[in-house]
Amino acid sequence: METFQSLLAKKLSNALAAAGLPDAGELTPATDPRFGDYQTNGALVLGKQRGENPREIAEKIAGNLDVGDVCEPPVIAGPGFINFTLRPGAVAERTADILGDERLGVAETESPRRIVIDFGSPNVAKPMHVGHIRSTVLGDALARIATFLGHEVIRDNHIGDWGTQFGMVIYGWKNLLDQRALQQNPLAEIVRIYKETNALATSDPQVREACRQELVKLQAGDKENIDIWNECVAFSMQDFEHVYELLDIHYDIQCGESFYNDRLPGVVERLLKSGIAEISEGAVVVFFRDIPELADKPCIIRKRDGGFNYATTDIATVDYRFDDLKADSVWYVVGAPQTLHFKEIFEIARRQGYQADLRHITFGSILGEDRKLMKTRSGENVPLRELLEEACRRARKIIEEKNPDLSEGEKIDVAQKIGIGAVKYADLSQYRMTDYVFLWDKMLSLQGNTAPYLQNAYVRIRSIFRKAGEFPVTAPASGVRGETGGRRAATTLTLTNPAEINLAKRLCQFAEIVPQVLNDFRPNILANYLFEVANAFHTFYEACPVLKSEEPERSSRLALCDLTGRVLHRGLDLLGIKVPEKM
């Protein structure tokens, strides 16, 4: 099903060809609805290129435009913009088509890829904290949207389960462990012994050396140390899984750093043999002498003492994802401080001959109300599990006030959907590089650009259908049994009121918006579109009586409500946000 934007872009291209002009500029949604629905700056671009009057070029283009089946006559505005306003009849026809389409008009990609998305990636022996929100929910949303668009997605949780901290954890386990505390709260006890050992090692060289020896024994495969490491990993994974369950996030593979351990010697030998790496002062190093930005930043892949590091592991990870998983693209949803690291890893991959697409998807920070990195009063990172449980508690309080008659089971379910949805949406509605302030009252508000506002719009639509005794909203319009057991008949839409025309136009844009998200990895485009849909629906609901109107308006308006509910439901689901039936 072709979108209005792609249809008009083709007609514009034909008009340019007919006028003897090259393709130029682009056709975009109008920035102000007073100027129509779409506009092109092509005449301005050509005017600048050719040294001609852009308005005269615009008139030549407009004279060759054949858009009468879709638009009112195009209007030339300002220095040479061409504005297009959709005909209500064309909007009604397209909206009716989308009503019968399970995908709501969104086409699957013509060039599907196998994409590995690396997101989340917590460290073992530490609880997940508030800083993990962005990578986790951003990666999950991109995975959902890429899957919906027809790509094959492999979600990989690259867990930090190997490294120097385990020398300290194992020393602490053997010398400081409280078994009772371990039974009650395993991760808290592991964190305690790690911190105490770290403090001891800082002041006592003997403890520091003992920790180093424990690490060497672990890396050499010592059974006792491997057993302790396995227990620590299991306790951590248990805690992570609880968080992922709350967030409704799953992974296809969880290959931690330890998974690549056996591959590291081979990585170094191969890079030496190919001349990509060289020995420098006893270490194995990759230099980037031909890249000014990296010329003075060599990448060490084997230390002088023979040890490996993150870079070695990440090169082995690239090999695995391309050679074993056969990925076409790998997206790393990792914070901006790792930018230099990934530039080096991607350059090494290119030198190895990998042609595939490697992307580092960066993001900003979450700030407390003091506009500094969000911490607890004692200066610690805020544990993510506690934050999510707090979100559910606060949402529960709102539900108790708003709808105390819900059953206990409904209150738990709705509180979780609202609380978790609010946290996710507060993040995803921001441009990913923006730092944002974490404010409970703002994110849980039923007003403004928040998840509860969108969820409430959906709930209001559901209540319309309950009052009408009609079919449920969440299913495709055609051939789906509703609560009454009936089937939805095909609906002819009649759009006369400006509010219903505007709502229908917004709903037709869903198919244009969703593919745009992956252009620069921006789920906020979808979030803000859904907010506009909810606003357009509320304006329509105030201006256009639904259940009290006469036929054929009643059926037409119910169909618009149906489609709005489905767009909100699907759009929020693509962001990883669930919708309740009642609030």
Protein backbone atom coordinates (compact mmCIF):
# COMPACT_ATOMS: atom_id res chain seq x y z
CA MET A 1 0.00 0.00 0.00
CA GLU A 2 1.62 3.23 -1.16
CA THR A 3 1.76 6.22 1.20
CA PHE A 4 0.66 9.70 0.16
CA GLN A 5 4.25 10.88 0.55
CA SER A 6 5.73 8.27 -1.81
CA LEU A 7 2.86 8.68 -4.31
CA LEU A 8 3.31 12.47 -4.45
CA ALA A 9 7.10 12.07 -4.65
CA LYS A 10 6.66 9.92 -7.78
CA LYS A 11 4.25 12.42 -9.33
CA LEU A 12 6.71 15.23 -8.56
CA SER A 13 9.53 13.28 -10.17
CA ASN A 14 7.38 12.76 -13.31
CA ALA A 15 6.55 16.49 -13.41
CA LEU A 16 10.23 17.46 -13.18
CA ALA A 17 11.05 15.08 -16.03
CA ALA A 18 8.18 16.46 -18.13
CA ALA A 19 9.46 20.00 -17.52
CA GLY A 20 12.95 18.94 -18.62
CA LEU A 21 14.35 19.38 -15.12
CA PRO A 22 16.46 17.01 -12.98
CA ASP A 23 15.19 15.55 -9.71
CA ALA A 24 15.99 18.01 -6.92
CA GLY A 25 14.95 18.83 -3.39
CA GLU A 26 12.61 16.59 -1.46
CA LEU A 27 8.94 16.20 -0.69
CA THR A 28 8.29 16.43 3.05
CA PRO A 29 5.30 16.82 5.38
CA ALA A 30 4.42 20.53 5.64
CA THR A 31 5.84 22.23 8.73
CA ASP A 32 2.60 24.23 9.21
CA PRO A 33 -0.85 22.79 8.37
CA ARG A 34 -1.94 26.24 7.10
CA PHE A 35 0.32 25.61 4.09
CA GLY A 36 -1.14 22.19 3.28
CA ASP A 37 -0.05 18.63 4.02
CA TYR A 38 3.17 18.23 2.01
CA GLN A 39 5.63 20.59 0.37
CA THR A 40 8.70 20.53 -1.84
CA ASN A 41 11.67 22.89 -1.99
CA GLY A 42 12.79 21.48 -5.37
CA ALA A 43 12.30 24.78 -7.23
CA LEU A 44 14.50 26.63 -4.71
CA VAL A 45 17.26 24.03 -5.04
CA LEU A 46 17.11 24.17 -8.86
CA GLY A 47 16.96 27.98 -8.86
CA LYS A 48 20.17 28.13 -6.86
CA GLN A 49 21.87 25.49 -9.05
CA ARG A 50 20.84 27.10 -12.34
CA GLY A 51 20.88 30.79 -11.37
CA GLU A 52 17.20 31.14 -12.30
CA ASN A 53 14.11 32.55 -10.55
CA PRO A 54 12.80 29.73 -8.30
CA ARG A 55 9.16 30.91 -8.55
CA GLU A 56 9.29 30.62 -12.34
CA ILE A 57 10.74 27.10 -12.00
CA ALA A 58 7.99 26.27 -9.47
CA GLU A 59 5.34 27.40 -11.98
CA LYS A 60 6.90 25.20 -14.66
CA ILE A 61 6.87 22.19 -12.27
CA ALA A 62 3.31 22.88 -11.09
CA GLY A 63 2.12 23.10 -14.72
CA ASN A 64 3.26 19.51 -15.24
CA LEU A 65 1.94 18.06 -11.96
CA ASP A 66 -0.85 15.51 -12.34
CA VAL A 67 -2.15 15.20 -8.77
CA GLY A 68 -5.89 15.79 -9.16
CA ASP A 69 -6.74 12.28 -7.95
CA VAL A 70 -5.02 12.97 -4.61
CA CYS A 71 -4.72 16.72 -4.04
CA GLU A 72 -6.29 20.10 -4.53
CA PRO A 73 -4.40 22.16 -7.18
CA PRO A 74 -0.83 22.73 -5.88
CA VAL A 75 -0.07 26.21 -4.49
CA ILE A 76 3.20 28.08 -4.99
CA ALA A 77 4.20 29.95 -1.84
CA GLY A 78 6.94 32.29 -0.67
CA PRO A 79 10.18 32.20 -2.68
CA GLY A 80 9.14 29.03 -4.57
CA PHE A 81 7.81 26.29 -2.29
CA ILE A 82 5.12 24.08 -3.83
CA ASN A 83 2.44 23.09 -1.30
CA PHE A 84 0.07 20.13 -1.60
CA THR A 85 -3.25 19.75 0.24
CA LEU A 86 -4.86 16.30 0.21
CA ARG A 87 -8.48 15.99 -0.90
CA PRO A 88 -10.82 14.72 1.85
CA GLY A 89 -12.13 12.06 -0.54
CA ALA A 90 -8.62 10.69 -1.14
CA VAL A 91 -7.95 10.71 2.60
CA ALA A 92 -11.21 8.81 3.24
CA GLU A 93 -10.32 6.16 0.64
CA ARG A 94 -6.80 5.67 2.01
CA THR A 95 -8.05 5.53 5.61
CA ALA A 96 -10.59 2.87 4.64
CA ASP A 97 -7.79 0.84 3.00
CA ILE A 98 -5.66 1.07 6.16
CA LEU A 99 -8.63 -0.01 8.29
CA GLY A 100 -8.59 -3.36 6.51
CA ASP A 101 -4.82 -3.79 6.74
CA GLU A 102 -3.28 -5.64 9.67
CA ARG A 103 -0.01 -3.69 9.18
CA LEU A 104 -1.83 -0.32 9.17
CA GLY A 105 -0.34 0.57 5.79
CA VAL A 106 3.31 -0.03 6.78
CA ALA A 107 5.15 -1.84 3.99
CA GLU A 108 7.89 -4.37 4.73
CA THR A 109 11.35 -3.42 3.50
CA GLU A 110 12.34 -4.47 -0.01
CA SER A 111 15.90 -5.21 1.17
CA PRO A 112 15.70 -7.20 4.43
CA ARG A 113 18.94 -7.63 6.38
CA ARG A 114 20.14 -9.83 9.20
CA ILE A 115 20.91 -7.35 11.98
CA VAL A 116 22.64 -8.10 15.28
CA ILE A 117 21.68 -5.48 17.88
CA ASP A 118 24.02 -5.29 20.87
CA PHE A 119 22.20 -3.53 23.71
CA GLY A 120 21.89 -3.57 27.49
CA SER A 121 25.18 -5.27 28.35
CA PRO A 122 25.28 -5.07 32.17
CA ASN A 123 28.27 -6.18 34.23
CA VAL A 124 28.13 -9.32 36.36
CA ALA A 125 28.61 -8.95 40.13
CA LYS A 126 26.88 -5.54 40.06
CA PRO A 127 23.15 -4.77 39.97
CA MET A 128 21.80 -3.04 36.86
CA HIS A 129 21.42 0.69 37.55
CA VAL A 130 19.52 3.66 36.12
CA GLY A 131 22.28 4.23 33.54
CA HIS A 132 21.28 0.95 31.86
CA ILE A 133 17.81 2.26 30.94
CA ARG A 134 18.82 4.06 27.77
CA SER A 135 20.77 1.27 26.06
CA THR A 136 18.18 -1.33 27.10
CA VAL A 137 14.94 0.38 26.04
CA LEU A 138 16.46 2.08 22.97
CA GLY A 139 17.94 -1.21 21.73
CA ASP A 140 14.67 -3.05 22.37
CA ALA A 141 12.61 -0.42 20.49
CA LEU A 142 14.98 -0.51 17.49
CA ALA A 143 14.81 -4.33 17.51
CA ARG A 144 10.99 -4.27 17.55
CA ILE A 145 10.76 -1.71 14.75
CA ALA A 146 13.39 -3.41 12.57
CA THR A 147 11.59 -6.75 13.01
CA PHE A 148 8.22 -5.18 12.11
CA LEU A 149 9.78 -3.71 8.96
CA GLY A 150 10.85 -7.20 7.87
CA HIS A 151 14.49 -7.43 8.97
CA GLU A 152 15.81 -10.54 10.72
CA VAL A 153 16.98 -9.30 14.11
CA ILE A 154 19.29 -11.07 16.57
CA ARG A 155 19.21 -9.40 20.01
CA ASP A 156 22.54 -9.91 21.78
CA ASN A 157 23.21 -9.11 25.44
CA HIS A 158 27.03 -8.74 25.56
CA ILE A 159 27.38 -9.22 29.32
CA GLY A 160 30.50 -8.06 31.16
CA ASP A 161 31.24 -11.40 32.84
CA TRP A 162 35.06 -11.49 32.63
CA GLY A 163 37.80 -9.16 33.75
CA THR A 164 39.93 -7.83 36.58
CA GLN A 165 37.03 -7.29 39.02
CA PHE A 166 36.71 -11.08 39.41
CA GLY A 167 40.08 -11.34 41.11
CA MET A 168 38.67 -9.12 43.85
CA VAL A 169 35.28 -10.86 43.94
CA ILE A 170 36.93 -14.29 44.32
CA TYR A 171 39.30 -13.05 47.04
CA GLY A 172 36.33 -11.52 48.87
CA TRP A 173 34.29 -14.72 48.42
CA LYS A 174 37.04 -16.81 50.03
CA ASN A 175 37.87 -14.39 52.86
CA LEU A 176 34.93 -12.08 53.62
CA LEU A 177 31.72 -13.86 52.53
CA ASP A 178 28.67 -13.94 54.85
CA GLN A 179 26.70 -17.04 53.76
CA ARG A 180 23.47 -15.90 55.41
CA ALA A 181 23.61 -12.52 53.64
CA LEU A 182 24.34 -14.36 50.37
CA GLN A 183 21.15 -16.39 50.79
CA GLN A 184 19.02 -13.33 51.53
CA ASN A 185 20.31 -10.95 48.85
CA PRO A 186 23.05 -12.52 46.70
CA LEU A 187 23.92 -9.52 44.57
CA ALA A 188 24.10 -7.09 47.51
CA GLU A 189 26.50 -9.45 49.30
CA ILE A 190 28.69 -9.85 46.19
CA VAL A 191 28.82 -6.06 45.80
CA ARG A 192 29.74 -5.72 49.51
CA ILE A 193 32.66 -8.17 49.36
CA TYR A 194 33.90 -6.57 46.12
CA LYS A 195 33.89 -3.08 47.68
CA GLU A 196 35.58 -4.25 50.88
CA THR A 197 38.26 -6.13 48.94
CA ASN A 198 38.81 -3.13 46.67
CA ALA A 199 39.34 -0.90 49.73
CA LEU A 200 41.77 -3.44 51.25
CA ALA A 201 43.68 -3.83 47.98
CA THR A 202 44.10 -0.06 47.69
CA SER A 203 45.92 0.14 51.03
CA ASP A 204 47.56 -3.32 51.25
CA PRO A 205 49.93 -4.51 48.47
CA GLN A 206 49.67 -8.11 49.72
CA VAL A 207 45.88 -8.15 49.23
CA ARG A 208 46.31 -6.53 45.81
CA GLU A 209 48.75 -9.28 44.79
CA ALA A 210 46.46 -11.99 46.22
CA CYS A 211 43.59 -10.64 44.07
CA ARG A 212 45.84 -10.70 40.99
CA GLN A 213 46.75 -14.33 41.72
CA GLU A 214 43.05 -15.28 42.05
CA LEU A 215 42.43 -13.71 38.63
CA VAL A 216 45.36 -15.60 37.08
CA LYS A 217 44.01 -18.86 38.54
CA LEU A 218 40.53 -18.08 37.14
CA GLN A 219 41.93 -17.37 33.68
CA ALA A 220 43.99 -20.57 33.85
CA GLY A 221 40.82 -22.60 34.55
CA ASP A 222 41.27 -23.35 38.29
CA LYS A 223 38.21 -25.40 39.29
CA GLU A 224 37.48 -23.67 42.61
CA ASN A 225 37.70 -20.21 41.06
CA ILE A 226 35.65 -21.22 38.03
CA ASP A 227 32.94 -22.58 40.39
CA ILE A 228 32.83 -19.30 42.35
CA TRP A 229 32.71 -17.34 39.06
CA ASN A 230 29.83 -19.52 37.82
CA GLU A 231 27.87 -18.88 41.03
CA CYS A 232 28.41 -15.11 40.72
CA VAL A 233 27.26 -15.16 37.09
CA ALA A 234 24.16 -17.22 37.98
CA PHE A 235 23.17 -14.86 40.82
CA SER A 236 23.64 -11.84 38.56
CA MET A 237 21.68 -13.35 35.68
CA GLN A 238 18.82 -14.10 38.08
CA ASP A 239 18.70 -10.41 39.03
CA PHE A 240 18.99 -9.26 35.39
CA GLU A 241 16.17 -11.59 34.34
CA HIS A 242 13.85 -10.06 36.93
CA VAL A 243 14.55 -6.61 35.47
CA TYR A 244 14.07 -7.86 31.90
CA GLU A 245 10.77 -9.47 32.90
CA LEU A 246 9.55 -6.16 34.35
CA LEU A 247 10.65 -4.37 31.16
CA ASP A 248 9.22 -7.09 28.85
CA ILE A 249 12.58 -7.43 27.10
CA HIS A 250 14.05 -10.64 25.73
CA TYR A 251 17.33 -11.58 24.05
CA ASP A 252 18.02 -14.19 21.38
CA ILE A 253 21.58 -14.76 22.60
CA GLN A 254 23.48 -13.67 25.70
CA CYS A 255 27.14 -14.12 24.80
CA GLY A 256 29.17 -12.53 27.57
CA GLU A 257 32.84 -11.58 27.30
CA SER A 258 33.79 -15.02 28.64
CA PHE A 259 32.23 -16.63 25.55
CA TYR A 260 35.07 -15.20 23.44
CA ASN A 261 37.91 -16.06 25.83
CA ASP A 262 39.18 -19.08 23.86
CA ARG A 263 39.19 -17.07 20.62
CA LEU A 264 41.48 -14.25 21.78
CA PRO A 265 44.92 -15.85 21.09
CA GLY A 266 43.77 -16.64 17.52
CA VAL A 267 42.60 -13.04 16.99
CA VAL A 268 46.02 -11.68 17.95
CA GLU A 269 47.93 -14.22 15.81
CA ARG A 270 45.74 -13.51 12.80
CA LEU A 271 46.15 -9.73 13.07
CA LEU A 272 49.93 -10.12 13.45
CA LYS A 273 50.15 -12.47 10.49
CA SER A 274 48.13 -10.16 8.24
CA GLY A 275 50.24 -7.14 9.21
CA ILE A 276 47.27 -5.28 10.71
CA ALA A 277 48.91 -5.50 14.16
CA GLU A 278 52.57 -5.24 15.13
CA ILE A 279 54.70 -5.72 18.22
CA SER A 280 55.58 -2.48 19.97
CA GLU A 281 57.49 -2.32 23.28
CA GLY A 282 56.49 -5.90 24.05
CA ALA A 283 52.75 -5.39 23.42
CA VAL A 284 50.74 -6.26 20.31
CA VAL A 285 49.31 -3.04 18.89
CA VAL A 286 47.27 -1.80 15.91
CA PHE A 287 48.34 1.67 14.73
CA PHE A 288 46.17 4.04 12.65
CA ARG A 289 48.91 6.22 11.19
CA ASP A 290 46.84 7.11 8.10
CA ILE A 291 43.82 8.38 10.11
CA PRO A 292 44.54 11.83 11.65
CA GLU A 293 41.87 11.42 14.33
CA LEU A 294 43.38 8.11 15.53
CA ALA A 295 47.04 8.63 14.60
CA ASP A 296 48.18 9.13 18.20
CA LYS A 297 45.74 6.59 19.68
CA PRO A 298 47.02 3.04 19.03
CA CYS A 299 44.84 0.10 20.01
CA ILE A 300 46.54 -2.47 22.28
CA ILE A 301 45.19 -5.98 21.68
CA ARG A 302 47.68 -7.91 23.83
CA LYS A 303 49.41 -6.36 26.82
CA ARG A 304 53.10 -6.81 27.64
CA ASP A 305 52.23 -9.40 30.29
CA GLY A 306 50.36 -11.46 27.67
CA GLY A 307 46.89 -10.40 28.92
CA PHE A 308 44.03 -9.47 26.64
CA ASN A 309 41.56 -6.58 27.01
CA TYR A 310 38.18 -5.23 25.87
CA ALA A 311 39.51 -4.42 22.42
CA THR A 312 40.64 -8.02 21.85
CA THR A 313 37.24 -9.30 22.98
CA ASP A 314 35.37 -6.84 20.78
CA ILE A 315 37.40 -7.84 17.70
CA ALA A 316 36.57 -11.49 18.43
CA THR A 317 32.92 -10.44 18.81
CA VAL A 318 32.92 -8.78 15.37
CA ASP A 319 34.39 -11.98 13.88
CA TYR A 320 31.70 -14.12 15.53
CA ARG A 321 28.83 -11.88 14.44
CA PHE A 322 29.92 -11.80 10.81
CA ASP A 323 31.47 -15.26 10.38
CA ASP A 324 29.19 -17.36 12.61
CA LEU A 325 25.94 -15.36 12.80
CA LYS A 326 26.27 -14.18 9.15
CA ALA A 327 25.10 -10.66 10.06
CA ASP A 328 24.70 -7.99 7.38
CA SER A 329 24.68 -5.22 9.99
CA VAL A 330 25.72 -4.90 13.62
CA TRP A 331 24.33 -2.07 15.74
CA TYR A 332 26.03 -1.27 19.04
CA VAL A 333 23.69 0.64 21.36
CA VAL A 334 26.42 1.87 23.71
CA GLY A 335 27.07 5.21 25.43
CA ALA A 336 28.98 8.06 23.81
CA PRO A 337 32.12 7.63 26.01
CA GLN A 338 32.91 4.50 23.94
CA THR A 339 33.02 6.45 20.64
CA LEU A 340 36.81 6.31 20.20
CA HIS A 341 36.90 2.61 21.12
CA PHE A 342 34.35 1.70 18.45
CA LYS A 343 36.01 3.86 15.79
CA GLU A 344 39.14 1.76 16.31
CA ILE A 345 37.27 -1.58 16.37
CA PHE A 346 35.33 -0.69 13.19
CA GLU A 347 38.53 0.38 11.42
CA ILE A 348 40.21 -2.92 12.36
CA ALA A 349 37.14 -4.78 11.02
CA ARG A 350 37.39 -2.82 7.75
CA ARG A 351 41.09 -3.70 7.46
CA GLN A 352 40.20 -7.35 7.95
CA GLY A 353 38.00 -7.09 4.87
CA TYR A 354 34.53 -7.04 6.45
CA GLN A 355 32.16 -5.20 4.12
CA ALA A 356 29.16 -5.27 6.43
CA ASP A 357 27.54 -2.31 8.12
CA LEU A 358 28.79 -1.44 11.64
CA ARG A 359 27.00 1.30 13.60
CA HIS A 360 27.66 2.79 17.02
CA ILE A 361 24.33 4.17 18.28
CA THR A 362 25.18 6.61 21.06
CA PHE A 363 22.94 8.29 23.63
CA GLY A 364 23.00 10.96 26.34
CA SER A 365 22.68 10.69 30.11
CA ILE A 366 19.84 10.53 32.63
CA LEU A 367 20.06 13.39 35.12
CA GLY A 368 18.63 13.89 38.58
CA GLU A 369 16.63 16.99 39.54
CA ASP A 370 19.95 18.74 40.30
CA ARG A 371 20.82 18.24 36.59
CA LYS A 372 23.75 15.99 37.54
CA LEU A 373 24.06 12.27 36.81
CA MET A 374 21.28 10.52 38.72
CA LYS A 375 22.61 9.04 41.98
CA THR A 376 21.29 7.97 45.38
CA ARG A 377 21.81 10.27 48.40
CA SER A 378 24.94 8.31 49.29
CA GLY A 379 26.37 8.92 45.82
CA GLU A 380 25.70 5.40 44.48
CA ASN A 381 24.09 4.55 41.14
CA VAL A 382 20.32 4.09 41.51
CA PRO A 383 19.53 0.34 41.13
CA LEU A 384 17.30 -0.18 38.07
CA ARG A 385 15.17 -2.85 39.73
CA GLU A 386 14.33 -0.51 42.62
CA LEU A 387 13.52 2.33 40.22
CA LEU A 388 11.13 0.17 38.17
CA GLU A 389 9.40 -1.15 41.30
CA GLU A 390 9.05 2.44 42.53
CA ALA A 391 7.45 3.38 39.17
CA CYS A 392 4.86 0.62 39.65
CA ARG A 393 4.19 1.74 43.25
CA ARG A 394 3.61 5.34 42.17
CA ALA A 395 1.36 4.26 39.29
CA ARG A 396 -0.61 2.09 41.72
CA LYS A 397 -1.25 5.14 43.91
CA ILE A 398 -2.65 7.06 40.91
CA ILE A 399 -4.92 4.12 40.01
CA GLU A 400 -6.23 3.86 43.60
CA GLU A 401 -7.32 7.50 43.36
CA LYS A 402 -8.66 7.37 39.80
CA ASN A 403 -10.37 3.98 39.69
CA PRO A 404 -10.59 2.31 43.14
CA ASP A 405 -13.22 -0.18 41.89
CA LEU A 406 -10.71 -2.20 39.84
CA SER A 407 -9.98 -5.69 41.17
CA GLU A 408 -6.65 -6.35 42.91
CA GLY A 409 -5.37 -8.28 39.88
CA GLU A 410 -6.36 -5.43 37.53
CA LYS A 411 -4.66 -2.86 39.78
CA ILE A 412 -1.38 -4.80 39.72
CA ASP A 413 -1.54 -5.27 35.94
CA VAL A 414 -2.49 -1.66 35.15
CA ALA A 415 0.08 -0.23 37.59
CA GLN A 416 2.84 -2.21 35.93
CA LYS A 417 1.79 -1.15 32.42
CA ILE A 418 1.54 2.51 33.42
CA GLY A 419 4.66 2.62 35.62
CA ILE A 420 7.01 0.75 33.27
CA GLY A 421 5.49 2.48 30.23
CA ALA A 422 6.09 5.89 31.82
CA VAL A 423 9.79 5.16 32.43
CA LYS A 424 10.32 3.82 28.90
CA TYR A 425 8.42 6.63 27.18
CA ALA A 426 10.21 9.36 29.17
CA ASP A 427 13.41 8.03 27.61
CA LEU A 428 12.23 7.15 24.10
CA SER A 429 10.36 10.42 23.53
CA GLN A 430 13.70 12.30 23.80
CA TYR A 431 16.20 12.51 20.96
CA ARG A 432 18.69 9.84 22.01
CA MET A 433 21.67 12.25 22.28
CA THR A 434 19.78 14.58 24.63
CA ASP A 435 20.47 14.45 28.37
CA TYR A 436 17.14 14.49 30.20
CA VAL A 437 16.02 15.09 33.78
CA PHE A 438 14.22 12.16 35.44
CA LEU A 439 11.05 13.61 37.00
CA TRP A 440 8.45 11.23 38.46
CA ASP A 441 5.52 13.68 38.43
CA LYS A 442 6.15 14.69 34.82
CA MET A 443 6.54 11.17 33.41
CA LEU A 444 3.47 9.78 35.27
CA SER A 445 1.23 12.73 34.39
CA LEU A 446 -2.01 12.11 32.50
CA GLN A 447 -1.40 15.41 30.68
CA GLY A 448 1.33 16.28 28.17
CA ASN A 449 3.67 14.12 26.13
CA THR A 450 3.73 11.06 28.42
CA ALA A 451 2.93 7.36 28.18
CA PRO A 452 -0.06 7.64 30.60
CA TYR A 453 -1.58 10.34 28.36
CA LEU A 454 -1.31 8.05 25.31
CA GLN A 455 -2.50 5.01 27.27
CA ASN A 456 -5.47 7.04 28.53
CA ALA A 457 -6.40 7.98 24.95
CA TYR A 458 -6.44 4.28 24.08
CA VAL A 459 -8.53 3.46 27.17
CA ARG A 460 -11.03 6.18 26.23
CA ILE A 461 -11.40 4.60 22.78
CA ARG A 462 -11.96 1.18 24.36
CA SER A 463 -14.70 2.63 26.55
CA ILE A 464 -16.47 4.05 23.46
CA PHE A 465 -16.69 0.54 22.01
CA ARG A 466 -17.83 -0.96 25.30
CA LYS A 467 -20.66 1.60 25.43
CA ALA A 468 -21.50 0.90 21.79
CA GLY A 469 -21.49 -2.88 22.40
CA GLU A 470 -19.25 -3.24 19.34
CA PHE A 471 -16.12 -5.21 18.46
CA PRO A 472 -12.78 -4.66 20.23
CA VAL A 473 -10.21 -2.27 18.86
CA THR A 474 -6.94 -4.16 18.93
CA ALA A 475 -7.61 -6.47 15.97
CA PRO A 476 -7.47 -5.70 12.24
CA ALA A 477 -10.76 -4.39 10.94
CA SER A 478 -11.35 -7.10 8.36
CA GLY A 479 -12.23 -10.70 9.12
CA VAL A 480 -11.63 -10.62 12.87
CA ARG A 481 -14.13 -11.83 15.43
CA GLY A 482 -15.00 -9.33 18.11
CA GLU A 483 -16.32 -9.71 21.65
CA THR A 484 -19.83 -10.09 20.26
CA GLY A 485 -18.68 -12.87 17.90
CA GLY A 486 -19.52 -10.76 14.85
CA ARG A 487 -17.33 -9.66 11.97
CA ARG A 488 -16.51 -6.10 11.10
CA ALA A 489 -18.18 -5.10 7.85
CA ALA A 490 -16.31 -2.91 5.38
CA THR A 491 -16.85 0.76 6.27
CA THR A 492 -17.26 3.70 3.90
CA LEU A 493 -15.79 6.75 5.56
CA THR A 494 -17.43 10.15 5.29
CA LEU A 495 -15.09 12.91 6.39
CA THR A 496 -16.66 16.37 6.58
CA ASN A 497 -15.64 17.93 9.91
CA PRO A 498 -12.11 19.45 9.90
CA ALA A 499 -11.28 17.55 13.13
CA GLU A 500 -12.10 14.15 11.59
CA ILE A 501 -10.25 15.02 8.36
CA ASN A 502 -7.19 16.04 10.41
CA LEU A 503 -7.32 12.82 12.50
CA ALA A 504 -7.61 10.66 9.37
CA LYS A 505 -4.62 12.43 7.77
CA ARG A 506 -2.56 11.79 10.91
CA LEU A 507 -3.49 8.09 10.90
CA CYS A 508 -2.42 7.79 7.25
CA GLN A 509 1.05 9.07 8.26
CA PHE A 510 1.80 6.02 10.45
CA ALA A 511 3.17 4.18 7.41
CA GLU A 512 5.47 7.14 6.64
CA ILE A 513 6.74 7.56 10.20
CA VAL A 514 7.69 4.00 11.21
CA PRO A 515 10.39 3.42 8.51
CA GLN A 516 11.91 6.85 9.28
CA VAL A 517 12.85 5.72 12.80
CA LEU A 518 15.74 3.59 11.50
CA ASN A 519 17.23 6.40 9.36
CA ASP A 520 19.06 7.87 12.35
CA PHE A 521 17.88 5.42 15.04
CA ARG A 522 15.32 7.84 16.49
CA PRO A 523 12.33 6.24 18.24
CA ASN A 524 11.42 9.75 19.44
CA ILE A 525 10.02 10.40 15.93
CA LEU A 526 7.45 7.64 16.52
CA ALA A 527 6.78 8.72 20.13
CA ASN A 528 6.09 12.31 19.12
CA TYR A 529 3.90 11.19 16.21
CA LEU A 530 1.77 9.10 18.62
CA PHE A 531 1.42 12.16 20.87
CA GLU A 532 0.13 14.14 17.86
CA VAL A 533 -2.32 11.33 17.07
CA ALA A 534 -3.64 11.37 20.64
CA ASN A 535 -4.03 15.17 20.49
CA ALA A 536 -5.83 14.93 17.14
CA PHE A 537 -8.12 12.24 18.59
CA HIS A 538 -9.04 14.36 21.63
CA THR A 539 -9.85 17.32 19.35
CA PHE A 540 -11.98 15.02 17.17
CA TYR A 541 -13.72 13.52 20.23
CA GLU A 542 -14.71 16.99 21.50
CA ALA A 543 -15.85 18.26 18.08
CA CYS A 544 -17.51 15.15 16.64
CA PRO A 545 -20.15 13.19 18.61
CA VAL A 546 -19.60 9.49 17.95
CA LEU A 547 -22.32 7.39 19.54
CA LYS A 548 -24.99 10.11 19.36
CA SER A 549 -24.45 10.86 15.68
CA GLU A 550 -26.69 9.48 12.94
CA GLU A 551 -25.69 6.99 10.24
CA PRO A 552 -23.59 7.00 8.12
CA GLU A 553 -21.56 9.39 10.32
CA ARG A 554 -21.79 7.09 13.35
CA SER A 555 -20.17 4.10 11.59
CA SER A 556 -17.56 6.34 9.96
CA ARG A 557 -16.58 7.92 13.28
CA LEU A 558 -16.50 4.56 15.04
CA ALA A 559 -14.15 3.36 12.30
CA LEU A 560 -11.89 6.38 12.93
CA CYS A 561 -11.89 5.54 16.67
CA ASP A 562 -11.07 1.93 15.80
CA LEU A 563 -8.12 2.90 13.63
CA THR A 564 -6.83 5.43 16.18
CA GLY A 565 -6.86 2.74 18.88
CA ARG A 566 -5.01 0.31 16.64
CA VAL A 567 -2.36 2.89 15.66
CA LEU A 568 -1.79 3.84 19.32
CA HIS A 569 -1.67 0.16 20.35
CA ARG A 570 0.74 -0.85 17.58
CA GLY A 571 2.88 2.27 17.86
CA LEU A 572 3.33 1.93 21.62
CA ASP A 573 4.03 -1.79 21.21
CA LEU A 574 6.85 -0.93 18.77
CA LEU A 575 8.30 1.20 21.57
CA GLY A 576 7.96 -1.72 24.00
CA ILE A 577 5.05 -0.11 25.88
CA LYS A 578 1.89 -2.01 26.79
CA VAL A 579 -1.59 -0.52 26.97
CA PRO A 580 -4.17 -1.33 29.67
CA GLU A 581 -7.86 -1.86 28.91
CA LYS A 582 -8.92 0.32 31.86
CA MET A 583 -7.26 3.02 33.95
